[in-house]
Structure formats: C-alpha cells, structure tokens
Full PDB file with SEQRES, HELIX, SHEET, SSBOND, CRYST1, ORIGX, SCALE, CONECT and MASTER records, all heavy atoms in Angstrom:
SEQRES   1 A   38  PHE VAL PRO ARG LYS SER PRO ALA GLY LEU TRP THR SER          
SEQRES   2 A   38  GLY ARG ILE GLU SER LYS GLY SER TRP THR PRO ALA PRO          
SEQRES   3 A   38  GLY LYS VAL THR LYS ILE GLN ALA ASN ILE LEU LEU              
SHEET    1 AA1 2 ARG A   4  LYS A   5  0                                        
SHEET    2 AA1 2 TRP A  11  THR A  12 -1                                        
CRYST1    1.000    1.000    1.000  90.00  90.00  90.00 P 1           1          
ORIGX1      1.000000  0.000000  0.000000        0.00000                         
ORIGX2      0.000000  1.000000  0.000000        0.00000                         
ORIGX3      0.000000  0.000000  1.000000        0.00000                         
SCALE1      1.000000  0.000000  0.000000        0.00000                         
SCALE2      0.000000  1.000000  0.000000        0.00000                         
SCALE3      0.000000  0.000000  1.000000        0.00000                         
ATOM      1  N   PHE A   1       8.794   2.311 -13.107  1.00  0.00           N  
ATOM      2  CA  PHE A   1       7.649   2.443 -12.159  1.00  0.00           C  
ATOM      3  C   PHE A   1       6.472   2.737 -12.936  1.00  0.00           C  
ATOM      4  O   PHE A   1       6.236   3.734 -13.541  1.00  0.00           O  
ATOM      5  CB  PHE A   1       8.006   3.622 -11.158  1.00  0.00           C  
ATOM      6  CG  PHE A   1       9.259   3.455 -10.464  1.00  0.00           C  
ATOM      7  CD1 PHE A   1      10.511   3.967 -11.016  1.00  0.00           C  
ATOM      8  CD2 PHE A   1       9.332   2.851  -9.252  1.00  0.00           C  
ATOM      9  CE1 PHE A   1      11.632   3.804 -10.327  1.00  0.00           C  
ATOM     10  CE2 PHE A   1      10.558   2.721  -8.570  1.00  0.00           C  
ATOM     11  CZ  PHE A   1      11.738   3.203  -9.121  1.00  0.00           C  
ATOM     12  N   VAL A   2       5.607   1.708 -12.942  1.00  0.00           N  
ATOM     13  CA  VAL A   2       4.396   1.664 -13.902  1.00  0.00           C  
ATOM     14  C   VAL A   2       3.083   1.615 -13.130  1.00  0.00           C  
ATOM     15  O   VAL A   2       2.819   0.703 -12.451  1.00  0.00           O  
ATOM     16  CB  VAL A   2       4.514   0.406 -14.798  1.00  0.00           C  
ATOM     17  CG1 VAL A   2       3.413   0.510 -15.894  1.00  0.00           C  
ATOM     18  CG2 VAL A   2       5.883   0.313 -15.420  1.00  0.00           C  
ATOM     19  N   PRO A   3       2.302   2.697 -13.118  1.00  0.00           N  
ATOM     20  CA  PRO A   3       1.002   2.716 -12.547  1.00  0.00           C  
ATOM     21  C   PRO A   3       0.081   1.885 -13.298  1.00  0.00           C  
ATOM     22  O   PRO A   3       0.110   1.897 -14.541  1.00  0.00           O  
ATOM     23  CB  PRO A   3       0.624   4.182 -12.526  1.00  0.00           C  
ATOM     24  CG  PRO A   3       1.352   4.797 -13.679  1.00  0.00           C  
ATOM     25  CD  PRO A   3       2.651   4.041 -13.830  1.00  0.00           C  
ATOM     26  N   ARG A   4      -0.780   1.151 -12.675  1.00  0.00           N  
ATOM     27  CA  ARG A   4      -1.728   0.220 -13.274  1.00  0.00           C  
ATOM     28  C   ARG A   4      -3.149   0.456 -12.714  1.00  0.00           C  
ATOM     29  O   ARG A   4      -3.262   0.627 -11.464  1.00  0.00           O  
ATOM     30  CB  ARG A   4      -1.355  -1.229 -13.112  1.00  0.00           C  
ATOM     31  CG  ARG A   4      -0.011  -1.619 -13.563  1.00  0.00           C  
ATOM     32  CD  ARG A   4       0.117  -1.854 -15.055  1.00  0.00           C  
ATOM     33  NE  ARG A   4       1.382  -2.342 -15.502  1.00  0.00           N  
ATOM     34  CZ  ARG A   4       1.645  -2.584 -16.714  1.00  0.00           C  
ATOM     35  NH1 ARG A   4       0.755  -2.343 -17.717  1.00  0.00           N  
ATOM     36  NH2 ARG A   4       2.885  -3.045 -17.048  1.00  0.00           N  
ATOM     37  N   LYS A   5      -4.138   0.316 -13.599  1.00  0.00           N  
ATOM     38  CA  LYS A   5      -5.518   0.455 -13.124  1.00  0.00           C  
ATOM     39  C   LYS A   5      -6.214  -0.831 -13.423  1.00  0.00           C  
ATOM     40  O   LYS A   5      -6.225  -1.296 -14.528  1.00  0.00           O  
ATOM     41  CB  LYS A   5      -6.156   1.579 -13.892  1.00  0.00           C  
ATOM     42  CG  LYS A   5      -7.641   1.905 -13.421  1.00  0.00           C  
ATOM     43  CD  LYS A   5      -8.243   3.047 -14.224  1.00  0.00           C  
ATOM     44  CE  LYS A   5      -9.666   3.350 -13.853  1.00  0.00           C  
ATOM     45  NZ  LYS A   5     -10.270   4.466 -14.666  1.00  0.00           N  
ATOM     46  N   SER A   6      -6.864  -1.400 -12.391  1.00  0.00           N  
ATOM     47  CA  SER A   6      -7.506  -2.647 -12.648  1.00  0.00           C  
ATOM     48  C   SER A   6      -8.925  -2.458 -13.231  1.00  0.00           C  
ATOM     49  O   SER A   6      -9.481  -1.291 -13.315  1.00  0.00           O  
ATOM     50  CB  SER A   6      -7.803  -3.311 -11.198  1.00  0.00           C  
ATOM     51  OG  SER A   6      -8.842  -2.661 -10.515  1.00  0.00           O  
ATOM     52  N   PRO A   7      -9.512  -3.527 -13.740  1.00  0.00           N  
ATOM     53  CA  PRO A   7     -10.885  -3.303 -14.374  1.00  0.00           C  
ATOM     54  C   PRO A   7     -11.901  -2.817 -13.375  1.00  0.00           C  
ATOM     55  O   PRO A   7     -12.891  -2.163 -13.836  1.00  0.00           O  
ATOM     56  CB  PRO A   7     -11.271  -4.780 -14.719  1.00  0.00           C  
ATOM     57  CG  PRO A   7      -9.954  -5.438 -14.986  1.00  0.00           C  
ATOM     58  CD  PRO A   7      -9.025  -4.886 -13.977  1.00  0.00           C  
ATOM     59  N   ALA A   8     -11.630  -2.952 -12.127  1.00  0.00           N  
ATOM     60  CA  ALA A   8     -12.541  -2.414 -11.123  1.00  0.00           C  
ATOM     61  C   ALA A   8     -12.255  -0.946 -10.752  1.00  0.00           C  
ATOM     62  O   ALA A   8     -12.884  -0.313  -9.882  1.00  0.00           O  
ATOM     63  CB  ALA A   8     -12.435  -3.245  -9.773  1.00  0.00           C  
ATOM     64  N   GLY A   9     -11.149  -0.411 -11.398  1.00  0.00           N  
ATOM     65  CA  GLY A   9     -10.798   0.997 -11.269  1.00  0.00           C  
ATOM     66  C   GLY A   9      -9.864   1.284 -10.058  1.00  0.00           C  
ATOM     67  O   GLY A   9      -9.719   2.442  -9.720  1.00  0.00           O  
ATOM     68  N   LEU A  10      -9.241   0.191  -9.544  1.00  0.00           N  
ATOM     69  CA  LEU A  10      -8.246   0.390  -8.413  1.00  0.00           C  
ATOM     70  C   LEU A  10      -6.924   0.509  -9.019  1.00  0.00           C  
ATOM     71  O   LEU A  10      -6.433  -0.183  -9.890  1.00  0.00           O  
ATOM     72  CB  LEU A  10      -8.394  -0.883  -7.575  1.00  0.00           C  
ATOM     73  CG  LEU A  10      -9.722  -1.154  -6.903  1.00  0.00           C  
ATOM     74  CD1 LEU A  10      -9.659  -2.444  -6.120  1.00  0.00           C  
ATOM     75  CD2 LEU A  10     -10.171  -0.013  -6.023  1.00  0.00           C  
ATOM     76  N   TRP A  11      -6.152   1.456  -8.447  1.00  0.00           N  
ATOM     77  CA  TRP A  11      -4.826   1.770  -8.915  1.00  0.00           C  
ATOM     78  C   TRP A  11      -3.706   1.132  -8.036  1.00  0.00           C  
ATOM     79  O   TRP A  11      -3.874   1.034  -6.876  1.00  0.00           O  
ATOM     80  CB  TRP A  11      -4.529   3.234  -8.949  1.00  0.00           C  
ATOM     81  CG  TRP A  11      -5.282   4.049 -10.070  1.00  0.00           C  
ATOM     82  CD1 TRP A  11      -6.549   4.495  -9.994  1.00  0.00           C  
ATOM     83  CD2 TRP A  11      -4.805   4.345 -11.334  1.00  0.00           C  
ATOM     84  NE1 TRP A  11      -6.878   5.140 -11.211  1.00  0.00           N  
ATOM     85  CE2 TRP A  11      -5.811   5.051 -12.050  1.00  0.00           C  
ATOM     86  CE3 TRP A  11      -3.554   4.114 -11.956  1.00  0.00           C  
ATOM     87  CZ2 TRP A  11      -5.668   5.514 -13.278  1.00  0.00           C  
ATOM     88  CZ3 TRP A  11      -3.409   4.603 -13.301  1.00  0.00           C  
ATOM     89  CH2 TRP A  11      -4.409   5.276 -13.921  1.00  0.00           C  
ATOM     90  N   THR A  12      -2.630   0.636  -8.761  1.00  0.00           N  
ATOM     91  CA  THR A  12      -1.455   0.152  -8.098  1.00  0.00           C  
ATOM     92  C   THR A  12      -0.288   0.888  -8.675  1.00  0.00           C  
ATOM     93  O   THR A  12      -0.350   1.358  -9.860  1.00  0.00           O  
ATOM     94  CB  THR A  12      -1.312  -1.297  -8.163  1.00  0.00           C  
ATOM     95  OG1 THR A  12      -1.284  -1.769  -9.557  1.00  0.00           O  
ATOM     96  CG2 THR A  12      -2.359  -2.139  -7.476  1.00  0.00           C  
ATOM     97  N   SER A  13       0.859   0.920  -8.043  1.00  0.00           N  
ATOM     98  CA  SER A  13       2.093   1.512  -8.535  1.00  0.00           C  
ATOM     99  C   SER A  13       3.264   0.966  -7.773  1.00  0.00           C  
ATOM    100  O   SER A  13       3.161   0.110  -6.970  1.00  0.00           O  
ATOM    101  CB  SER A  13       2.010   3.029  -8.461  1.00  0.00           C  
ATOM    102  OG  SER A  13       2.962   3.664  -9.278  1.00  0.00           O  
ATOM    103  N   GLY A  14       4.409   1.589  -8.083  1.00  0.00           N  
ATOM    104  CA  GLY A  14       5.734   1.161  -7.550  1.00  0.00           C  
ATOM    105  C   GLY A  14       6.469   2.258  -6.809  1.00  0.00           C  
ATOM    106  O   GLY A  14       6.395   3.470  -7.109  1.00  0.00           O  
ATOM    107  N   ARG A  15       7.184   1.907  -5.775  1.00  0.00           N  
ATOM    108  CA  ARG A  15       7.997   2.723  -4.918  1.00  0.00           C  
ATOM    109  C   ARG A  15       9.104   1.978  -4.356  1.00  0.00           C  
ATOM    110  O   ARG A  15       8.995   0.907  -3.784  1.00  0.00           O  
ATOM    111  CB  ARG A  15       7.176   3.385  -3.856  1.00  0.00           C  
ATOM    112  CG  ARG A  15       7.966   4.149  -2.794  1.00  0.00           C  
ATOM    113  CD  ARG A  15       7.046   4.938  -1.911  1.00  0.00           C  
ATOM    114  NE  ARG A  15       7.750   5.410  -0.662  1.00  0.00           N  
ATOM    115  CZ  ARG A  15       7.279   6.487   0.013  1.00  0.00           C  
ATOM    116  NH1 ARG A  15       6.168   7.163  -0.327  1.00  0.00           N  
ATOM    117  NH2 ARG A  15       7.911   6.795   1.135  1.00  0.00           N  
ATOM    118  N   ILE A  16      10.372   2.515  -4.545  1.00  0.00           N  
ATOM    119  CA  ILE A  16      11.546   1.955  -3.857  1.00  0.00           C  
ATOM    120  C   ILE A  16      12.285   2.949  -3.004  1.00  0.00           C  
ATOM    121  O   ILE A  16      12.244   4.122  -3.233  1.00  0.00           O  
ATOM    122  CB  ILE A  16      12.552   1.279  -4.847  1.00  0.00           C  
ATOM    123  CG1 ILE A  16      13.059   2.319  -5.799  1.00  0.00           C  
ATOM    124  CG2 ILE A  16      11.817   0.142  -5.612  1.00  0.00           C  
ATOM    125  CD1 ILE A  16      14.181   1.688  -6.749  1.00  0.00           C  
ATOM    126  N   GLU A  17      12.888   2.417  -1.926  1.00  0.00           N  
ATOM    127  CA  GLU A  17      13.659   3.323  -1.027  1.00  0.00           C  
ATOM    128  C   GLU A  17      14.959   2.672  -0.730  1.00  0.00           C  
ATOM    129  O   GLU A  17      15.102   1.388  -0.572  1.00  0.00           O  
ATOM    130  CB  GLU A  17      12.885   3.423   0.320  1.00  0.00           C  
ATOM    131  CG  GLU A  17      11.457   4.026   0.167  1.00  0.00           C  
ATOM    132  CD  GLU A  17      10.801   4.277   1.525  1.00  0.00           C  
ATOM    133  OE1 GLU A  17      11.315   3.816   2.618  1.00  0.00           O  
ATOM    134  OE2 GLU A  17       9.669   4.819   1.540  1.00  0.00           O  
ATOM    135  N   SER A  18      15.966   3.457  -0.718  1.00  0.00           N  
ATOM    136  CA  SER A  18      17.363   2.906  -0.528  1.00  0.00           C  
ATOM    137  C   SER A  18      17.474   2.367   0.885  1.00  0.00           C  
ATOM    138  O   SER A  18      16.899   3.002   1.832  1.00  0.00           O  
ATOM    139  CB  SER A  18      18.457   3.953  -0.841  1.00  0.00           C  
ATOM    140  OG  SER A  18      18.338   5.026   0.117  1.00  0.00           O  
ATOM    141  N   LYS A  19      18.130   1.255   1.021  1.00  0.00           N  
ATOM    142  CA  LYS A  19      18.312   0.732   2.369  1.00  0.00           C  
ATOM    143  C   LYS A  19      19.359   1.520   3.161  1.00  0.00           C  
ATOM    144  O   LYS A  19      19.320   1.732   4.311  1.00  0.00           O  
ATOM    145  CB  LYS A  19      18.732  -0.752   2.282  1.00  0.00           C  
ATOM    146  CG  LYS A  19      17.735  -1.605   1.862  1.00  0.00           C  
ATOM    147  CD  LYS A  19      17.979  -3.089   2.065  1.00  0.00           C  
ATOM    148  CE  LYS A  19      16.755  -3.964   1.756  1.00  0.00           C  
ATOM    149  NZ  LYS A  19      16.923  -5.350   2.113  1.00  0.00           N  
ATOM    150  N   GLY A  20      20.329   2.046   2.357  1.00  0.00           N  
ATOM    151  CA  GLY A  20      21.381   2.885   2.953  1.00  0.00           C  
ATOM    152  C   GLY A  20      20.967   4.298   3.086  1.00  0.00           C  
ATOM    153  O   GLY A  20      20.011   4.756   2.429  1.00  0.00           O  
ATOM    154  N   SER A  21      21.742   5.065   3.869  1.00  0.00           N  
ATOM    155  CA  SER A  21      21.484   6.482   3.911  1.00  0.00           C  
ATOM    156  C   SER A  21      22.872   7.133   4.004  1.00  0.00           C  
ATOM    157  O   SER A  21      23.906   6.525   4.282  1.00  0.00           O  
ATOM    158  CB  SER A  21      20.720   6.842   5.192  1.00  0.00           C  
ATOM    159  OG  SER A  21      21.390   6.466   6.372  1.00  0.00           O  
ATOM    160  N   TRP A  22      22.907   8.469   3.558  1.00  0.00           N  
ATOM    161  CA  TRP A  22      24.196   9.112   3.372  1.00  0.00           C  
ATOM    162  C   TRP A  22      24.127  10.513   4.024  1.00  0.00           C  
ATOM    163  O   TRP A  22      23.130  11.202   3.861  1.00  0.00           O  
ATOM    164  CB  TRP A  22      24.538   9.290   1.899  1.00  0.00           C  
ATOM    165  CG  TRP A  22      24.718   7.889   1.292  1.00  0.00           C  
ATOM    166  CD1 TRP A  22      25.877   7.222   1.116  1.00  0.00           C  
ATOM    167  CD2 TRP A  22      23.702   6.996   0.736  1.00  0.00           C  
ATOM    168  NE1 TRP A  22      25.626   6.031   0.566  1.00  0.00           N  
ATOM    169  CE2 TRP A  22      24.341   5.818   0.325  1.00  0.00           C  
ATOM    170  CE3 TRP A  22      22.326   7.165   0.622  1.00  0.00           C  
ATOM    171  CZ2 TRP A  22      23.642   4.818  -0.291  1.00  0.00           C  
ATOM    172  CZ3 TRP A  22      21.594   6.165   0.034  1.00  0.00           C  
ATOM    173  CH2 TRP A  22      22.276   5.012  -0.386  1.00  0.00           C  
ATOM    174  N   THR A  23      25.148  10.877   4.790  1.00  0.00           N  
ATOM    175  CA  THR A  23      25.213  12.189   5.481  1.00  0.00           C  
ATOM    176  C   THR A  23      26.120  13.144   4.709  1.00  0.00           C  
ATOM    177  O   THR A  23      27.206  12.811   4.452  1.00  0.00           O  
ATOM    178  CB  THR A  23      25.785  11.999   6.842  1.00  0.00           C  
ATOM    179  OG1 THR A  23      24.959  11.094   7.576  1.00  0.00           O  
ATOM    180  CG2 THR A  23      25.746  13.348   7.614  1.00  0.00           C  
ATOM    181  N   PRO A  24      25.575  14.384   4.343  1.00  0.00           N  
ATOM    182  CA  PRO A  24      26.427  15.286   3.692  1.00  0.00           C  
ATOM    183  C   PRO A  24      27.542  15.712   4.697  1.00  0.00           C  
ATOM    184  O   PRO A  24      27.352  16.044   5.756  1.00  0.00           O  
ATOM    185  CB  PRO A  24      25.546  16.570   3.475  1.00  0.00           C  
ATOM    186  CG  PRO A  24      24.152  15.882   3.411  1.00  0.00           C  
ATOM    187  CD  PRO A  24      24.189  14.760   4.358  1.00  0.00           C  
ATOM    188  N   ALA A  25      28.796  15.546   4.152  1.00  0.00           N  
ATOM    189  CA  ALA A  25      29.969  15.718   5.051  1.00  0.00           C  
ATOM    190  C   ALA A  25      30.296  17.136   5.271  1.00  0.00           C  
ATOM    191  O   ALA A  25      30.281  17.943   4.299  1.00  0.00           O  
ATOM    192  CB  ALA A  25      31.203  14.930   4.437  1.00  0.00           C  
ATOM    193  N   PRO A  26      30.758  17.463   6.532  1.00  0.00           N  
ATOM    194  CA  PRO A  26      31.147  18.872   6.757  1.00  0.00           C  
ATOM    195  C   PRO A  26      32.371  19.192   5.890  1.00  0.00           C  
ATOM    196  O   PRO A  26      33.247  18.455   5.684  1.00  0.00           O  
ATOM    197  CB  PRO A  26      31.469  18.883   8.289  1.00  0.00           C  
ATOM    198  CG  PRO A  26      31.654  17.463   8.570  1.00  0.00           C  
ATOM    199  CD  PRO A  26      30.855  16.705   7.677  1.00  0.00           C  
ATOM    200  N   GLY A  27      32.365  20.467   5.388  1.00  0.00           N  
ATOM    201  CA  GLY A  27      33.427  20.890   4.571  1.00  0.00           C  
ATOM    202  C   GLY A  27      33.440  20.442   3.181  1.00  0.00           C  
ATOM    203  O   GLY A  27      34.368  20.759   2.433  1.00  0.00           O  
ATOM    204  N   LYS A  28      32.363  19.717   2.743  1.00  0.00           N  
ATOM    205  CA  LYS A  28      32.346  19.109   1.420  1.00  0.00           C  
ATOM    206  C   LYS A  28      31.058  19.471   0.739  1.00  0.00           C  
ATOM    207  O   LYS A  28      30.097  20.025   1.310  1.00  0.00           O  
ATOM    208  CB  LYS A  28      32.555  17.618   1.564  1.00  0.00           C  
ATOM    209  CG  LYS A  28      33.908  17.183   2.052  1.00  0.00           C  
ATOM    210  CD  LYS A  28      34.114  15.719   1.931  1.00  0.00           C  
ATOM    211  CE  LYS A  28      35.496  15.325   2.411  1.00  0.00           C  
ATOM    212  NZ  LYS A  28      35.804  13.830   2.134  1.00  0.00           N  
ATOM    213  N   VAL A  29      31.011  19.164  -0.581  1.00  0.00           N  
ATOM    214  CA  VAL A  29      29.859  19.272  -1.356  1.00  0.00           C  
ATOM    215  C   VAL A  29      29.305  17.894  -1.668  1.00  0.00           C  
ATOM    216  O   VAL A  29      30.116  16.968  -2.049  1.00  0.00           O  
ATOM    217  CB  VAL A  29      30.121  19.981  -2.713  1.00  0.00           C  
ATOM    218  CG1 VAL A  29      28.906  20.014  -3.619  1.00  0.00           C  
ATOM    219  CG2 VAL A  29      30.607  21.481  -2.446  1.00  0.00           C  
ATOM    220  N   THR A  30      27.992  17.685  -1.438  1.00  0.00           N  
ATOM    221  CA  THR A  30      27.424  16.366  -1.757  1.00  0.00           C  
ATOM    222  C   THR A  30      26.328  16.630  -2.876  1.00  0.00           C  
ATOM    223  O   THR A  30      25.570  17.627  -2.785  1.00  0.00           O  
ATOM    224  CB  THR A  30      26.643  15.805  -0.503  1.00  0.00           C  
ATOM    225  OG1 THR A  30      27.637  15.571   0.533  1.00  0.00           O  
ATOM    226  CG2 THR A  30      25.968  14.505  -0.817  1.00  0.00           C  
ATOM    227  N   LYS A  31      26.286  15.718  -3.780  1.00  0.00           N  
ATOM    228  CA  LYS A  31      25.284  15.759  -4.934  1.00  0.00           C  
ATOM    229  C   LYS A  31      24.536  14.473  -4.920  1.00  0.00           C  
ATOM    230  O   LYS A  31      25.135  13.333  -4.840  1.00  0.00           O  
ATOM    231  CB  LYS A  31      25.929  15.980  -6.250  1.00  0.00           C  
ATOM    232  CG  LYS A  31      26.590  17.362  -6.428  1.00  0.00           C  
ATOM    233  CD  LYS A  31      27.209  17.560  -7.797  1.00  0.00           C  
ATOM    234  CE  LYS A  31      27.758  18.912  -8.077  1.00  0.00           C  
ATOM    235  NZ  LYS A  31      26.658  19.920  -8.305  1.00  0.00           N  
ATOM    236  N   ILE A  32      23.226  14.527  -5.113  1.00  0.00           N  
ATOM    237  CA  ILE A  32      22.360  13.385  -5.249  1.00  0.00           C  
ATOM    238  C   ILE A  32      21.709  13.518  -6.664  1.00  0.00           C  
ATOM    239  O   ILE A  32      21.000  14.574  -6.827  1.00  0.00           O  
ATOM    240  CB  ILE A  32      21.291  13.239  -4.204  1.00  0.00           C  
ATOM    241  CG1 ILE A  32      21.956  13.249  -2.759  1.00  0.00           C  
ATOM    242  CG2 ILE A  32      20.466  11.935  -4.438  1.00  0.00           C  
ATOM    243  CD1 ILE A  32      21.001  13.286  -1.633  1.00  0.00           C  
ATOM    244  N   GLN A  33      21.920  12.567  -7.599  1.00  0.00           N  
ATOM    245  CA  GLN A  33      21.371  12.818  -8.963  1.00  0.00           C  
ATOM    246  C   GLN A  33      20.799  11.540  -9.465  1.00  0.00           C  
ATOM    247  O   GLN A  33      21.026  10.427  -9.033  1.00  0.00           O  
ATOM    248  CB  GLN A  33      22.554  13.234  -9.868  1.00  0.00           C  
ATOM    249  CG  GLN A  33      23.182  14.480  -9.552  1.00  0.00           C  
ATOM    250  CD  GLN A  33      24.184  14.933 -10.632  1.00  0.00           C  
ATOM    251  OE1 GLN A  33      24.532  14.134 -11.488  1.00  0.00           O  
ATOM    252  NE2 GLN A  33      24.605  16.204 -10.603  1.00  0.00           N  
ATOM    253  N   ALA A  34      19.913  11.677 -10.391  1.00  0.00           N  
ATOM    254  CA  ALA A  34      19.306  10.545 -11.151  1.00  0.00           C  
ATOM    255  C   ALA A  34      18.977  10.953 -12.578  1.00  0.00           C  
ATOM    256  O   ALA A  34      18.662  12.112 -12.829  1.00  0.00           O  
ATOM    257  CB  ALA A  34      18.024   9.992 -10.456  1.00  0.00           C  
ATOM    258  N   ASN A  35      19.082   9.970 -13.450  1.00  0.00           N  
ATOM    259  CA  ASN A  35      18.743  10.280 -14.949  1.00  0.00           C  
ATOM    260  C   ASN A  35      17.359   9.627 -15.170  1.00  0.00           C  
ATOM    261  O   ASN A  35      17.174   8.393 -15.019  1.00  0.00           O  
ATOM    262  CB  ASN A  35      19.796   9.613 -15.843  1.00  0.00           C  
ATOM    263  CG  ASN A  35      19.841  10.275 -17.078  1.00  0.00           C  
ATOM    264  OD1 ASN A  35      19.642  11.485 -17.238  1.00  0.00           O  
ATOM    265  ND2 ASN A  35      20.167   9.501 -18.173  1.00  0.00           N  
ATOM    266  N   ILE A  36      16.399  10.492 -15.507  1.00  0.00           N  
ATOM    267  CA  ILE A  36      14.989  10.062 -15.503  1.00  0.00           C  
ATOM    268  C   ILE A  36      14.218  10.391 -16.815  1.00  0.00           C  
ATOM    269  O   ILE A  36      14.424  11.415 -17.420  1.00  0.00           O  
ATOM    270  CB  ILE A  36      14.253  10.825 -14.335  1.00  0.00           C  
ATOM    271  CG1 ILE A  36      14.867  10.441 -12.998  1.00  0.00           C  
ATOM    272  CG2 ILE A  36      12.742  10.631 -14.418  1.00  0.00           C  
ATOM    273  CD1 ILE A  36      14.299  11.244 -11.801  1.00  0.00           C  
ATOM    274  N   LEU A  37      13.433   9.466 -17.185  1.00  0.00           N  
ATOM    275  CA  LEU A  37      12.519   9.624 -18.353  1.00  0.00           C  
ATOM    276  C   LEU A  37      11.087   9.392 -17.921  1.00  0.00           C  
ATOM    277  O   LEU A  37      10.839   8.494 -17.117  1.00  0.00           O  
ATOM    278  CB  LEU A  37      12.841   8.588 -19.520  1.00  0.00           C  
ATOM    279  CG  LEU A  37      11.952   8.562 -20.743  1.00  0.00           C  
ATOM    280  CD1 LEU A  37      12.816   8.233 -21.980  1.00  0.00           C  
ATOM    281  CD2 LEU A  37      10.845   7.523 -20.581  1.00  0.00           C  
ATOM    282  N   LEU A  38      10.169  10.240 -18.417  1.00  0.00           N  
ATOM    283  CA  LEU A  38       8.770  10.088 -18.055  1.00  0.00           C  
ATOM    284  C   LEU A  38       8.017   9.628 -19.310  1.00  0.00           C  
ATOM    285  O   LEU A  38       8.346   9.947 -20.422  1.00  0.00           O  
ATOM    286  CB  LEU A  38       8.235  11.445 -17.563  1.00  0.00           C  
ATOM    287  CG  LEU A  38       8.885  11.927 -16.298  1.00  0.00           C  
ATOM    288  CD1 LEU A  38       8.349  13.321 -15.920  1.00  0.00           C  
ATOM    289  CD2 LEU A  38       8.705  10.997 -15.118  1.00  0.00           C  
TER     290      LEU A  38                                                      
MASTER        0    0    0    0    2    0    0    6  289    1    0    3          
END                                                                             
C-alpha cells in the first residue's frame, strides 16, 4: 500500500476490504492476524 503525492500536491493511496466476513463462534477462540512491514 503505497501513498503517492502528485506534483500538484494531491495525495493518493490504497485500501482493500475483504469481500467475506467472519463471525467469532460461540464457545471458541477466534484470531485475526497479519504479518506487516512498514
């Protein structure tokens, strides 16, 4: 995800959203994780 600045000073960037969704199940443990570098 790379932010960009135009010569005119306008910023653009990136965003994604999962199409699916997930419900934490009763009686269970749910983990949501990602491996990230900045």
